[in-house]
């Protein structure tokens, strides 16, 4: 009984910073059979990191909020497919990258429709022209926004979040070589943007 209390106490101390993988797996098993309390704990221990990644992907706080919500809704819906072969956070990153890419595809389709029906009106509107001419100093986030989506995602996962290329290939469902090429491209663009 005493050793269990010590283990639980240790678990509480570590869960303040990060939930140990075995605890995540334990919570996932409970959530898979319907425990909303277990899923809530998984949510609370991962939401800040997922929001940060979504914010870096999207470069927009409102979209990051929306993506974060979507990630956890998808995670709840698809929890039965989690195979315990990777970290739960890696699985969540995979969902986040897929949700972001889906948003971008939808956005591109929407923009195509806008262009078809209102390209002339948008081009002639002085509000739209002025919006594109902000002359602010370039910082990392601004420079990062100029990196193409997939290269930006690889850069964030590799250089900021610390994932290895083989992990990124699983998260983003791309080849290791493609991950390396995206990272090289992202770094080159960032160097160029930050040196202006």
N, C-alpha and C. Protein backbone atom coordinates (compact mmCIF):
# COMPACT_ATOMS: atom_id res chain seq x y z
N UNK A 1 0.83 -1.20 0.00
CA UNK A 1 0.00 0.00 0.00
C UNK A 1 0.87 1.25 0.00
N UNK A 2 1.94 1.23 0.81
CA UNK A 2 2.83 2.38 0.90
C UNK A 2 3.52 2.66 -0.42
N UNK A 3 3.99 1.60 -1.11
CA UNK A 3 4.68 1.79 -2.40
C UNK A 3 3.73 2.33 -3.47
N UNK A 4 2.47 1.95 -3.41
CA UNK A 4 1.50 2.47 -4.37
C UNK A 4 1.31 3.96 -4.15
N UNK A 5 1.21 4.37 -2.89
CA UNK A 5 1.05 5.79 -2.58
C UNK A 5 2.24 6.59 -3.10
N UNK A 6 3.43 6.04 -2.95
CA UNK A 6 4.63 6.72 -3.45
C UNK A 6 4.58 6.82 -4.98
N UNK A 7 4.19 5.72 -5.65
CA UNK A 7 4.09 5.74 -7.11
C UNK A 7 3.06 6.76 -7.57
N UNK A 8 1.91 6.80 -6.88
CA UNK A 8 0.88 7.77 -7.27
C UNK A 8 1.36 9.19 -7.05
N UNK A 9 2.08 9.42 -5.94
CA UNK A 9 2.61 10.74 -5.66
C UNK A 9 3.61 11.15 -6.75
N UNK A 10 4.48 10.24 -7.13
CA UNK A 10 5.44 10.50 -8.20
C UNK A 10 4.72 10.80 -9.50
N UNK A 11 3.68 10.04 -9.78
CA UNK A 11 2.90 10.24 -10.99
C UNK A 11 2.28 11.63 -11.01
N UNK A 12 1.75 12.08 -9.87
CA UNK A 12 1.16 13.40 -9.80
C UNK A 12 2.20 14.48 -10.07
N UNK A 13 3.39 14.31 -9.54
CA UNK A 13 4.45 15.30 -9.74
C UNK A 13 4.83 15.37 -11.21
N UNK A 14 5.01 14.23 -11.87
CA UNK A 14 5.40 14.26 -13.27
C UNK A 14 4.27 14.72 -14.17
N UNK A 15 3.02 14.47 -13.79
CA UNK A 15 1.93 14.86 -14.67
C UNK A 15 1.74 16.37 -14.72
N UNK A 16 2.31 17.11 -13.77
CA UNK A 16 2.22 18.56 -13.82
C UNK A 16 2.98 19.09 -15.03
N UNK A 17 4.06 18.42 -15.41
CA UNK A 17 4.85 18.86 -16.56
C UNK A 17 4.47 18.12 -17.83
N UNK A 18 4.47 16.82 -17.78
CA UNK A 18 4.12 16.01 -18.93
C UNK A 18 3.66 14.65 -18.46
N UNK A 19 2.63 14.14 -19.09
CA UNK A 19 2.10 12.84 -18.70
C UNK A 19 3.01 11.76 -19.25
N UNK A 20 3.49 10.86 -18.38
CA UNK A 20 4.34 9.77 -18.87
C UNK A 20 3.58 8.92 -19.90
N UNK A 21 4.32 8.36 -20.85
CA UNK A 21 3.72 7.58 -21.93
C UNK A 21 2.85 6.46 -21.39
N UNK A 22 3.31 5.77 -20.34
CA UNK A 22 2.53 4.66 -19.79
C UNK A 22 1.21 5.18 -19.22
N UNK A 23 1.22 6.36 -18.64
CA UNK A 23 -0.02 6.97 -18.13
C UNK A 23 -0.94 7.33 -19.29
N UNK A 24 -0.37 7.87 -20.37
CA UNK A 24 -1.18 8.16 -21.56
C UNK A 24 -1.86 6.89 -22.04
N UNK A 25 -1.09 5.80 -22.14
CA UNK A 25 -1.64 4.55 -22.64
C UNK A 25 -2.75 4.03 -21.72
N UNK A 26 -2.54 4.19 -20.43
CA UNK A 26 -3.54 3.79 -19.45
C UNK A 26 -4.83 4.59 -19.65
N UNK A 27 -4.67 5.90 -19.83
CA UNK A 27 -5.82 6.78 -20.05
C UNK A 27 -6.53 6.47 -21.36
N UNK A 28 -5.75 6.16 -22.39
CA UNK A 28 -6.33 5.82 -23.70
C UNK A 28 -7.19 4.56 -23.57
N UNK A 29 -6.68 3.57 -22.87
CA UNK A 29 -7.44 2.33 -22.68
C UNK A 29 -8.76 2.62 -21.98
N UNK A 30 -8.72 3.49 -20.97
CA UNK A 30 -9.95 3.83 -20.24
C UNK A 30 -10.90 4.64 -21.14
N UNK A 31 -10.34 5.56 -21.92
CA UNK A 31 -11.16 6.39 -22.81
C UNK A 31 -11.79 5.55 -23.92
N UNK A 32 -11.06 4.53 -24.38
CA UNK A 32 -11.58 3.66 -25.44
C UNK A 32 -12.86 2.93 -25.00
N UNK A 33 -12.99 2.69 -23.71
CA UNK A 33 -14.21 2.03 -23.22
C UNK A 33 -15.22 3.04 -22.70
N UNK A 34 -15.00 4.33 -23.02
CA UNK A 34 -16.01 5.34 -22.75
C UNK A 34 -15.76 6.31 -21.60
N UNK A 35 -14.60 6.28 -20.99
CA UNK A 35 -14.33 7.18 -19.87
C UNK A 35 -14.02 8.60 -20.38
N UNK A 36 -14.98 9.49 -20.20
CA UNK A 36 -14.75 10.88 -20.61
C UNK A 36 -13.76 11.57 -19.67
N UNK A 37 -13.71 11.13 -18.42
CA UNK A 37 -12.75 11.70 -17.47
C UNK A 37 -11.31 11.40 -17.91
N UNK A 38 -11.09 10.19 -18.41
CA UNK A 38 -9.75 9.81 -18.89
C UNK A 38 -9.39 10.63 -20.12
N UNK A 39 -10.35 10.82 -21.03
CA UNK A 39 -10.06 11.62 -22.22
C UNK A 39 -9.83 13.08 -21.84
N UNK A 40 -10.56 13.56 -20.87
CA UNK A 40 -10.37 14.95 -20.40
C UNK A 40 -8.94 15.13 -19.88
N UNK A 41 -8.43 14.13 -19.16
CA UNK A 41 -7.05 14.21 -18.67
C UNK A 41 -6.05 14.20 -19.82
N UNK A 42 -6.30 13.38 -20.83
CA UNK A 42 -5.45 13.36 -22.03
C UNK A 42 -5.48 14.73 -22.71
N UNK A 43 -6.67 15.29 -22.80
CA UNK A 43 -6.84 16.62 -23.41
C UNK A 43 -6.03 17.66 -22.65
N UNK A 44 -6.21 17.70 -21.34
CA UNK A 44 -5.55 18.72 -20.52
C UNK A 44 -4.03 18.60 -20.56
N UNK A 45 -3.52 17.40 -20.68
CA UNK A 45 -2.06 17.23 -20.69
C UNK A 45 -1.44 17.49 -22.07
N UNK A 46 -2.27 17.59 -23.11
CA UNK A 46 -1.73 17.77 -24.46
C UNK A 46 -2.19 19.04 -25.17
N UNK A 47 -3.21 19.71 -24.67
CA UNK A 47 -3.84 20.80 -25.41
C UNK A 47 -2.88 21.97 -25.68
N UNK A 48 -2.03 22.31 -24.73
CA UNK A 48 -1.12 23.45 -24.95
C UNK A 48 -0.14 23.19 -26.09
N UNK A 49 0.44 21.98 -26.10
CA UNK A 49 1.39 21.64 -27.17
C UNK A 49 0.71 21.59 -28.52
N UNK A 50 -0.49 21.03 -28.57
CA UNK A 50 -1.21 20.94 -29.84
C UNK A 50 -1.60 22.34 -30.31
N UNK A 51 -2.04 23.19 -29.40
CA UNK A 51 -2.39 24.56 -29.79
C UNK A 51 -1.16 25.28 -30.34
N UNK A 52 -0.01 25.12 -29.69
CA UNK A 52 1.22 25.77 -30.14
C UNK A 52 1.59 25.33 -31.55
N UNK A 53 1.49 24.03 -31.80
CA UNK A 53 1.80 23.52 -33.13
C UNK A 53 0.79 24.04 -34.15
N UNK A 54 -0.49 24.03 -33.81
CA UNK A 54 -1.52 24.54 -34.72
C UNK A 54 -1.30 26.02 -35.01
N UNK A 55 -0.89 26.78 -34.00
CA UNK A 55 -0.62 28.21 -34.20
C UNK A 55 0.55 28.40 -35.14
N UNK A 56 1.57 27.59 -35.00
CA UNK A 56 2.73 27.71 -35.89
C UNK A 56 2.37 27.27 -37.31
N UNK A 57 1.54 26.25 -37.44
CA UNK A 57 1.09 25.82 -38.77
C UNK A 57 0.28 26.94 -39.43
N UNK A 58 -0.72 27.44 -38.68
CA UNK A 58 -1.72 28.33 -39.27
C UNK A 58 -1.31 29.79 -39.29
N UNK A 59 -0.43 30.19 -38.36
CA UNK A 59 -0.03 31.60 -38.26
C UNK A 59 -1.23 32.50 -37.96
N UNK A 60 -2.24 31.97 -37.30
CA UNK A 60 -3.45 32.72 -37.00
C UNK A 60 -4.09 32.12 -35.74
N UNK A 61 -4.33 32.98 -34.73
CA UNK A 61 -4.82 32.46 -33.44
C UNK A 61 -6.22 31.86 -33.54
N UNK A 62 -7.11 32.50 -34.29
CA UNK A 62 -8.47 31.96 -34.41
C UNK A 62 -8.46 30.59 -35.10
N UNK A 63 -7.67 30.50 -36.16
CA UNK A 63 -7.60 29.21 -36.86
C UNK A 63 -6.94 28.16 -35.97
N UNK A 64 -5.93 28.57 -35.19
CA UNK A 64 -5.28 27.63 -34.28
C UNK A 64 -6.26 27.11 -33.24
N UNK A 65 -7.11 28.00 -32.72
CA UNK A 65 -8.15 27.57 -31.77
C UNK A 65 -9.08 26.54 -32.42
N UNK A 66 -9.51 26.87 -33.62
CA UNK A 66 -10.43 25.99 -34.34
C UNK A 66 -9.77 24.64 -34.64
N UNK A 67 -8.53 24.68 -35.11
CA UNK A 67 -7.81 23.43 -35.42
C UNK A 67 -7.62 22.59 -34.16
N UNK A 68 -7.27 23.23 -33.06
CA UNK A 68 -7.05 22.50 -31.81
C UNK A 68 -8.32 21.77 -31.39
N UNK A 69 -9.45 22.47 -31.48
CA UNK A 69 -10.73 21.82 -31.15
C UNK A 69 -10.98 20.63 -32.08
N UNK A 70 -10.73 20.83 -33.36
CA UNK A 70 -10.95 19.76 -34.34
C UNK A 70 -10.05 18.57 -34.08
N UNK A 71 -8.81 18.84 -33.68
CA UNK A 71 -7.86 17.75 -33.40
C UNK A 71 -8.42 16.85 -32.30
N UNK A 72 -8.91 17.46 -31.22
CA UNK A 72 -9.39 16.64 -30.10
C UNK A 72 -10.75 15.99 -30.38
N UNK A 73 -11.56 16.62 -31.21
CA UNK A 73 -12.81 15.97 -31.63
C UNK A 73 -12.48 14.74 -32.46
N UNK A 74 -11.56 14.90 -33.42
CA UNK A 74 -11.13 13.77 -34.25
C UNK A 74 -10.48 12.69 -33.39
N UNK A 75 -9.66 13.11 -32.44
CA UNK A 75 -8.99 12.13 -31.57
C UNK A 75 -10.02 11.31 -30.80
N UNK A 76 -11.06 11.96 -30.30
CA UNK A 76 -12.11 11.24 -29.57
C UNK A 76 -12.84 10.27 -30.51
N UNK A 77 -13.16 10.76 -31.71
CA UNK A 77 -13.87 9.92 -32.68
C UNK A 77 -13.04 8.74 -33.16
N UNK A 78 -11.72 8.94 -33.30
CA UNK A 78 -10.84 7.93 -33.88
C UNK A 78 -10.00 7.19 -32.83
N UNK A 79 -10.28 7.41 -31.56
CA UNK A 79 -9.45 6.82 -30.51
C UNK A 79 -9.37 5.30 -30.63
N UNK A 80 -10.44 4.69 -31.11
CA UNK A 80 -10.45 3.23 -31.26
C UNK A 80 -9.39 2.75 -32.26
N UNK A 81 -8.90 3.65 -33.13
CA UNK A 81 -7.88 3.27 -34.12
C UNK A 81 -6.45 3.41 -33.59
N UNK A 82 -6.28 4.02 -32.41
CA UNK A 82 -4.94 4.19 -31.85
C UNK A 82 -4.37 2.82 -31.50
N UNK A 83 -3.16 2.52 -32.01
CA UNK A 83 -2.59 1.17 -31.91
C UNK A 83 -1.49 1.02 -30.85
N UNK A 84 -1.18 2.08 -30.09
CA UNK A 84 -0.14 2.03 -29.06
C UNK A 84 1.25 1.76 -29.64
N UNK A 85 1.47 2.15 -30.90
CA UNK A 85 2.77 1.94 -31.54
C UNK A 85 3.59 3.23 -31.57
N UNK A 86 2.98 4.33 -31.20
CA UNK A 86 3.68 5.62 -31.15
C UNK A 86 3.20 6.37 -29.92
N UNK A 87 3.85 7.49 -29.65
CA UNK A 87 3.40 8.33 -28.56
C UNK A 87 2.04 8.92 -28.91
N UNK A 88 1.22 9.15 -27.91
CA UNK A 88 -0.08 9.77 -28.13
C UNK A 88 0.09 11.16 -28.74
N UNK A 89 1.10 11.90 -28.28
CA UNK A 89 1.33 13.25 -28.82
C UNK A 89 1.69 13.19 -30.31
N UNK A 90 2.44 12.19 -30.73
CA UNK A 90 2.76 12.04 -32.16
C UNK A 90 1.49 11.78 -32.96
N UNK A 91 0.62 10.97 -32.41
CA UNK A 91 -0.65 10.68 -33.06
C UNK A 91 -1.48 11.96 -33.19
N UNK A 92 -1.48 12.78 -32.14
CA UNK A 92 -2.21 14.05 -32.18
C UNK A 92 -1.60 15.00 -33.21
N UNK A 93 -0.25 15.03 -33.31
CA UNK A 93 0.41 15.87 -34.31
C UNK A 93 0.00 15.45 -35.71
N UNK A 94 -0.14 14.15 -35.92
CA UNK A 94 -0.56 13.65 -37.21
C UNK A 94 -1.97 14.15 -37.55
N UNK A 95 -2.85 14.10 -36.58
CA UNK A 95 -4.21 14.61 -36.78
C UNK A 95 -4.17 16.11 -37.06
N UNK A 96 -3.33 16.84 -36.30
CA UNK A 96 -3.23 18.29 -36.47
C UNK A 96 -2.74 18.64 -37.87
N UNK A 97 -1.73 17.93 -38.35
CA UNK A 97 -1.21 18.25 -39.69
C UNK A 97 -2.25 17.93 -40.76
N UNK A 98 -3.00 16.84 -40.59
CA UNK A 98 -4.05 16.49 -41.55
C UNK A 98 -5.17 17.53 -41.54
N UNK A 99 -5.58 17.97 -40.33
CA UNK A 99 -6.64 18.97 -40.23
C UNK A 99 -6.20 20.29 -40.87
N UNK A 100 -4.94 20.67 -40.63
CA UNK A 100 -4.43 21.91 -41.22
C UNK A 100 -4.44 21.82 -42.74
N UNK A 101 -3.96 20.71 -43.27
CA UNK A 101 -3.92 20.55 -44.73
C UNK A 101 -5.33 20.54 -45.32
N UNK A 102 -6.29 19.94 -44.62
CA UNK A 102 -7.67 19.96 -45.09
C UNK A 102 -8.21 21.39 -45.12
N UNK A 103 -7.90 22.16 -44.09
CA UNK A 103 -8.32 23.56 -44.05
C UNK A 103 -7.74 24.33 -45.22
N UNK A 104 -6.46 24.12 -45.48
CA UNK A 104 -5.81 24.84 -46.57
C UNK A 104 -6.42 24.47 -47.92
N UNK A 105 -6.75 23.18 -48.10
CA UNK A 105 -7.40 22.77 -49.35
C UNK A 105 -8.76 23.44 -49.50
N UNK A 106 -9.53 23.48 -48.42
CA UNK A 106 -10.84 24.14 -48.45
C UNK A 106 -10.68 25.62 -48.73
N UNK A 107 -9.69 26.22 -48.10
CA UNK A 107 -9.43 27.64 -48.29
C UNK A 107 -9.07 27.93 -49.76
N UNK A 108 -8.24 27.05 -50.34
CA UNK A 108 -7.86 27.24 -51.74
C UNK A 108 -9.07 27.12 -52.66
N UNK A 109 -9.95 26.15 -52.38
CA UNK A 109 -11.17 26.01 -53.18
C UNK A 109 -12.03 27.26 -53.06
N UNK A 110 -12.16 27.78 -51.83
CA UNK A 110 -12.94 28.99 -51.60
C UNK A 110 -12.33 30.17 -52.36
N UNK A 111 -11.02 30.30 -52.27
CA UNK A 111 -10.35 31.42 -52.96
C UNK A 111 -10.51 31.32 -54.47
N UNK A 112 -10.50 30.09 -55.00
CA UNK A 112 -10.72 29.92 -56.43
C UNK A 112 -12.10 30.44 -56.83
N UNK A 113 -13.11 30.13 -56.00
CA UNK A 113 -14.46 30.62 -56.26
C UNK A 113 -14.52 32.14 -56.17
N UNK A 114 -13.86 32.70 -55.17
CA UNK A 114 -13.84 34.16 -55.02
C UNK A 114 -13.19 34.79 -56.24
N UNK A 115 -12.08 34.20 -56.69
CA UNK A 115 -11.39 34.73 -57.87
C UNK A 115 -12.28 34.69 -59.10
N UNK A 116 -13.01 33.59 -59.26
CA UNK A 116 -13.89 33.45 -60.42
C UNK A 116 -14.99 34.52 -60.42
N UNK A 117 -15.56 34.77 -59.24
CA UNK A 117 -16.72 35.66 -59.19
C UNK A 117 -16.41 37.10 -58.80
N UNK A 118 -15.24 37.35 -58.23
CA UNK A 118 -15.01 38.71 -57.78
C UNK A 118 -13.58 39.21 -57.89
N UNK A 119 -12.81 38.65 -58.78
CA UNK A 119 -11.41 39.04 -58.90
C UNK A 119 -11.26 40.53 -59.21
N UNK A 120 -12.03 41.02 -60.11
CA UNK A 120 -11.93 42.42 -60.50
C UNK A 120 -12.31 43.33 -59.33
N UNK A 121 -13.36 43.01 -58.62
CA UNK A 121 -13.79 43.84 -57.49
C UNK A 121 -12.73 43.87 -56.40
N UNK A 122 -12.13 42.73 -56.12
CA UNK A 122 -11.09 42.69 -55.09
C UNK A 122 -9.85 43.48 -55.51
N UNK A 123 -9.48 43.38 -56.77
CA UNK A 123 -8.27 44.04 -57.26
C UNK A 123 -8.45 45.56 -57.24
N UNK A 124 -9.66 46.04 -57.55
CA UNK A 124 -9.91 47.47 -57.62
C UNK A 124 -10.23 48.09 -56.26
N UNK A 125 -10.47 47.28 -55.25
CA UNK A 125 -10.84 47.80 -53.93
C UNK A 125 -9.59 48.28 -53.20
N UNK A 126 -9.52 49.58 -52.84
CA UNK A 126 -8.32 50.11 -52.18
C UNK A 126 -8.05 49.49 -50.81
N UNK A 127 -9.09 48.99 -50.15
CA UNK A 127 -8.90 48.35 -48.84
C UNK A 127 -8.03 47.11 -48.99
N UNK A 128 -8.31 46.29 -50.02
CA UNK A 128 -7.52 45.08 -50.25
C UNK A 128 -6.09 45.42 -50.65
N UNK A 129 -5.92 46.48 -51.48
CA UNK A 129 -4.57 46.87 -51.88
C UNK A 129 -3.78 47.35 -50.68
N UNK A 130 -4.38 48.15 -49.82
CA UNK A 130 -3.69 48.69 -48.64
C UNK A 130 -3.34 47.58 -47.66
N UNK A 131 -4.20 46.59 -47.57
CA UNK A 131 -3.97 45.49 -46.62
C UNK A 131 -2.68 44.75 -46.91
N UNK A 132 -2.32 44.64 -48.18
CA UNK A 132 -1.13 43.91 -48.56
C UNK A 132 0.15 44.71 -48.46
N UNK A 133 0.07 45.99 -48.09
CA UNK A 133 1.27 46.82 -48.11
C UNK A 133 1.78 47.20 -46.72
N UNK A 134 1.56 46.37 -45.74
CA UNK A 134 2.10 46.65 -44.40
C UNK A 134 3.60 46.50 -44.42
N UNK A 135 4.30 47.46 -43.83
CA UNK A 135 5.76 47.44 -43.85
C UNK A 135 6.32 47.23 -42.45
N UNK A 136 6.06 46.06 -41.88
CA UNK A 136 6.54 45.76 -40.54
C UNK A 136 7.88 45.05 -40.62
N UNK A 137 8.66 45.13 -39.54
CA UNK A 137 9.91 44.39 -39.49
C UNK A 137 9.63 42.90 -39.52
N UNK A 138 10.50 42.17 -40.19
CA UNK A 138 10.28 40.73 -40.31
C UNK A 138 10.88 40.02 -39.10
N UNK A 139 10.05 39.23 -38.42
CA UNK A 139 10.54 38.38 -37.35
C UNK A 139 10.39 36.93 -37.80
N UNK A 140 10.74 36.03 -36.93
CA UNK A 140 10.71 34.61 -37.31
C UNK A 140 9.32 34.16 -37.72
N UNK A 141 8.29 34.56 -36.96
CA UNK A 141 6.93 34.13 -37.28
C UNK A 141 6.49 34.65 -38.64
N UNK A 142 6.83 35.89 -38.95
CA UNK A 142 6.47 36.47 -40.24
C UNK A 142 7.21 35.75 -41.35
N UNK A 143 8.50 35.50 -41.13
CA UNK A 143 9.30 34.78 -42.12
C UNK A 143 8.76 33.37 -42.31
N UNK A 144 8.37 32.73 -41.20
CA UNK A 144 7.83 31.37 -41.24
C UNK A 144 6.55 31.31 -42.06
N UNK A 145 5.77 32.39 -42.02
CA UNK A 145 4.52 32.43 -42.79
C UNK A 145 4.78 32.40 -44.29
N UNK A 146 5.99 32.75 -44.72
CA UNK A 146 6.32 32.77 -46.15
C UNK A 146 6.82 31.42 -46.65
N UNK A 147 7.03 30.50 -45.74
CA UNK A 147 7.49 29.16 -46.11
C UNK A 147 6.27 28.34 -46.55
N UNK A 148 6.36 27.61 -47.66
CA UNK A 148 5.23 26.77 -48.11
C UNK A 148 4.77 25.83 -46.99
N UNK A 149 3.48 25.52 -47.01
CA UNK A 149 2.83 24.78 -45.92
C UNK A 149 3.58 23.54 -45.45
N UNK A 150 3.84 22.61 -46.37
CA UNK A 150 4.45 21.35 -45.94
C UNK A 150 5.87 21.56 -45.43
N UNK A 151 6.61 22.45 -46.07
CA UNK A 151 7.97 22.75 -45.59
C UNK A 151 7.90 23.39 -44.21
N UNK A 152 6.93 24.28 -44.00
CA UNK A 152 6.76 24.93 -42.70
C UNK A 152 6.43 23.89 -41.63
N UNK A 153 5.55 22.95 -41.96
CA UNK A 153 5.17 21.92 -41.00
C UNK A 153 6.37 21.06 -40.62
N UNK A 154 7.18 20.67 -41.62
CA UNK A 154 8.37 19.87 -41.33
C UNK A 154 9.34 20.67 -40.46
N UNK A 155 9.55 21.94 -40.79
CA UNK A 155 10.45 22.79 -40.00
C UNK A 155 9.99 22.86 -38.55
N UNK A 156 8.69 23.09 -38.34
CA UNK A 156 8.14 23.20 -36.98
C UNK A 156 8.33 21.88 -36.23
N UNK A 157 7.97 20.78 -36.88
CA UNK A 157 8.08 19.49 -36.21
C UNK A 157 9.54 19.12 -35.92
N UNK A 158 10.45 19.42 -36.86
CA UNK A 158 11.85 19.03 -36.70
C UNK A 158 12.62 20.01 -35.82
N UNK A 159 12.68 21.27 -36.23
CA UNK A 159 13.55 22.23 -35.55
C UNK A 159 12.96 22.81 -34.28
N UNK A 160 11.64 22.88 -34.19
CA UNK A 160 11.03 23.48 -33.01
C UNK A 160 10.56 22.41 -32.03
N UNK A 161 9.87 21.39 -32.53
CA UNK A 161 9.33 20.35 -31.65
C UNK A 161 10.31 19.20 -31.40
N UNK A 162 11.36 19.10 -32.22
CA UNK A 162 12.40 18.10 -31.96
C UNK A 162 12.15 16.71 -32.50
N UNK A 163 11.23 16.56 -33.43
CA UNK A 163 10.98 15.25 -34.02
C UNK A 163 12.06 14.90 -35.04
N UNK A 164 12.33 13.61 -35.18
CA UNK A 164 13.28 13.11 -36.16
C UNK A 164 12.55 12.91 -37.49
N UNK A 165 13.32 12.82 -38.59
CA UNK A 165 12.70 12.70 -39.90
C UNK A 165 11.83 11.45 -40.04
N UNK A 166 12.24 10.33 -39.44
CA UNK A 166 11.41 9.13 -39.55
C UNK A 166 10.08 9.31 -38.81
N UNK A 167 10.09 10.08 -37.72
CA UNK A 167 8.84 10.35 -37.00
C UNK A 167 7.95 11.30 -37.81
N UNK A 168 8.58 12.30 -38.42
CA UNK A 168 7.83 13.26 -39.24
C UNK A 168 7.21 12.55 -40.43
N UNK A 169 7.94 11.59 -41.01
CA UNK A 169 7.39 10.87 -42.16
C UNK A 169 6.12 10.12 -41.75
N UNK A 170 6.08 9.60 -40.53
CA UNK A 170 4.88 8.91 -40.04
C UNK A 170 3.77 9.91 -39.76
N UNK A 171 4.11 11.02 -39.10
CA UNK A 171 3.11 12.03 -38.74
C UNK A 171 2.46 12.62 -39.98
N UNK A 172 3.27 12.97 -40.98
CA UNK A 172 2.76 13.66 -42.16
C UNK A 172 2.48 12.73 -43.33
N UNK A 173 2.79 11.45 -43.16
CA UNK A 173 2.58 10.46 -44.21
C UNK A 173 3.34 10.83 -45.49
N UNK A 174 4.64 11.12 -45.30
CA UNK A 174 5.53 11.43 -46.42
C UNK A 174 6.80 10.59 -46.26
N UNK A 175 7.62 10.53 -47.30
CA UNK A 175 8.89 9.79 -47.24
C UNK A 175 9.90 10.57 -46.41
N UNK A 176 10.86 9.88 -45.84
CA UNK A 176 11.93 10.51 -45.06
C UNK A 176 12.69 11.51 -45.93
N UNK A 177 13.00 11.13 -47.16
CA UNK A 177 13.70 12.02 -48.08
C UNK A 177 12.91 13.29 -48.37
N UNK A 178 11.61 13.16 -48.47
CA UNK A 178 10.75 14.33 -48.70
C UNK A 178 10.79 15.25 -47.49
N UNK A 179 10.77 14.66 -46.30
CA UNK A 179 10.87 15.44 -45.07
C UNK A 179 12.17 16.24 -45.05
N UNK A 180 13.27 15.59 -45.40
CA UNK A 180 14.57 16.26 -45.42
C UNK A 180 14.60 17.39 -46.45
N UNK A 181 14.01 17.14 -47.61
CA UNK A 181 13.97 18.17 -48.66
C UNK A 181 13.14 19.37 -48.21
N UNK A 182 11.99 19.11 -47.57
CA UNK A 182 11.15 20.20 -47.06
C UNK A 182 11.91 21.02 -46.01
N UNK A 183 12.63 20.34 -45.14
CA UNK A 183 13.37 21.04 -44.10
C UNK A 183 14.45 21.93 -44.72
N UNK A 184 15.17 21.39 -45.70
CA UNK A 184 16.20 22.17 -46.39
C UNK A 184 15.59 23.41 -47.04
N UNK A 185 14.46 23.23 -47.69
CA UNK A 185 13.79 24.35 -48.36
C UNK A 185 13.34 25.40 -47.34
N UNK A 186 12.74 24.94 -46.24
CA UNK A 186 12.25 25.87 -45.21
C UNK A 186 13.40 26.69 -44.63
N UNK A 187 14.51 26.03 -44.32
CA UNK A 187 15.66 26.75 -43.75
C UNK A 187 16.23 27.76 -44.74
N UNK A 188 16.28 27.39 -46.02
CA UNK A 188 16.81 28.31 -47.03
C UNK A 188 15.92 29.55 -47.13
N UNK A 189 14.60 29.35 -47.19
CA UNK A 189 13.68 30.49 -47.29
C UNK A 189 13.77 31.36 -46.05
N UNK A 190 13.85 30.74 -44.88
CA UNK A 190 13.95 31.52 -43.63
C UNK A 190 15.23 32.34 -43.61
N UNK A 191 16.35 31.74 -44.04
CA UNK A 191 17.60 32.50 -44.09
C UNK A 191 17.46 33.72 -44.99
N UNK A 192 16.85 33.49 -46.15
CA UNK A 192 16.68 34.60 -47.10
C UNK A 192 15.77 35.68 -46.52
N UNK A 193 14.67 35.29 -45.91
CA UNK A 193 13.72 36.26 -45.36
C UNK A 193 14.32 37.04 -44.17
N UNK A 194 15.04 36.33 -43.32
CA UNK A 194 15.61 36.99 -42.13
C UNK A 194 16.82 37.85 -42.44
N UNK A 195 17.42 37.65 -43.61
CA UNK A 195 18.58 38.46 -43.96
C UNK A 195 18.20 39.73 -44.73
N UNK A 196 16.92 39.90 -45.01
CA UNK A 196 16.47 41.10 -45.74
C UNK A 196 16.54 42.34 -44.86
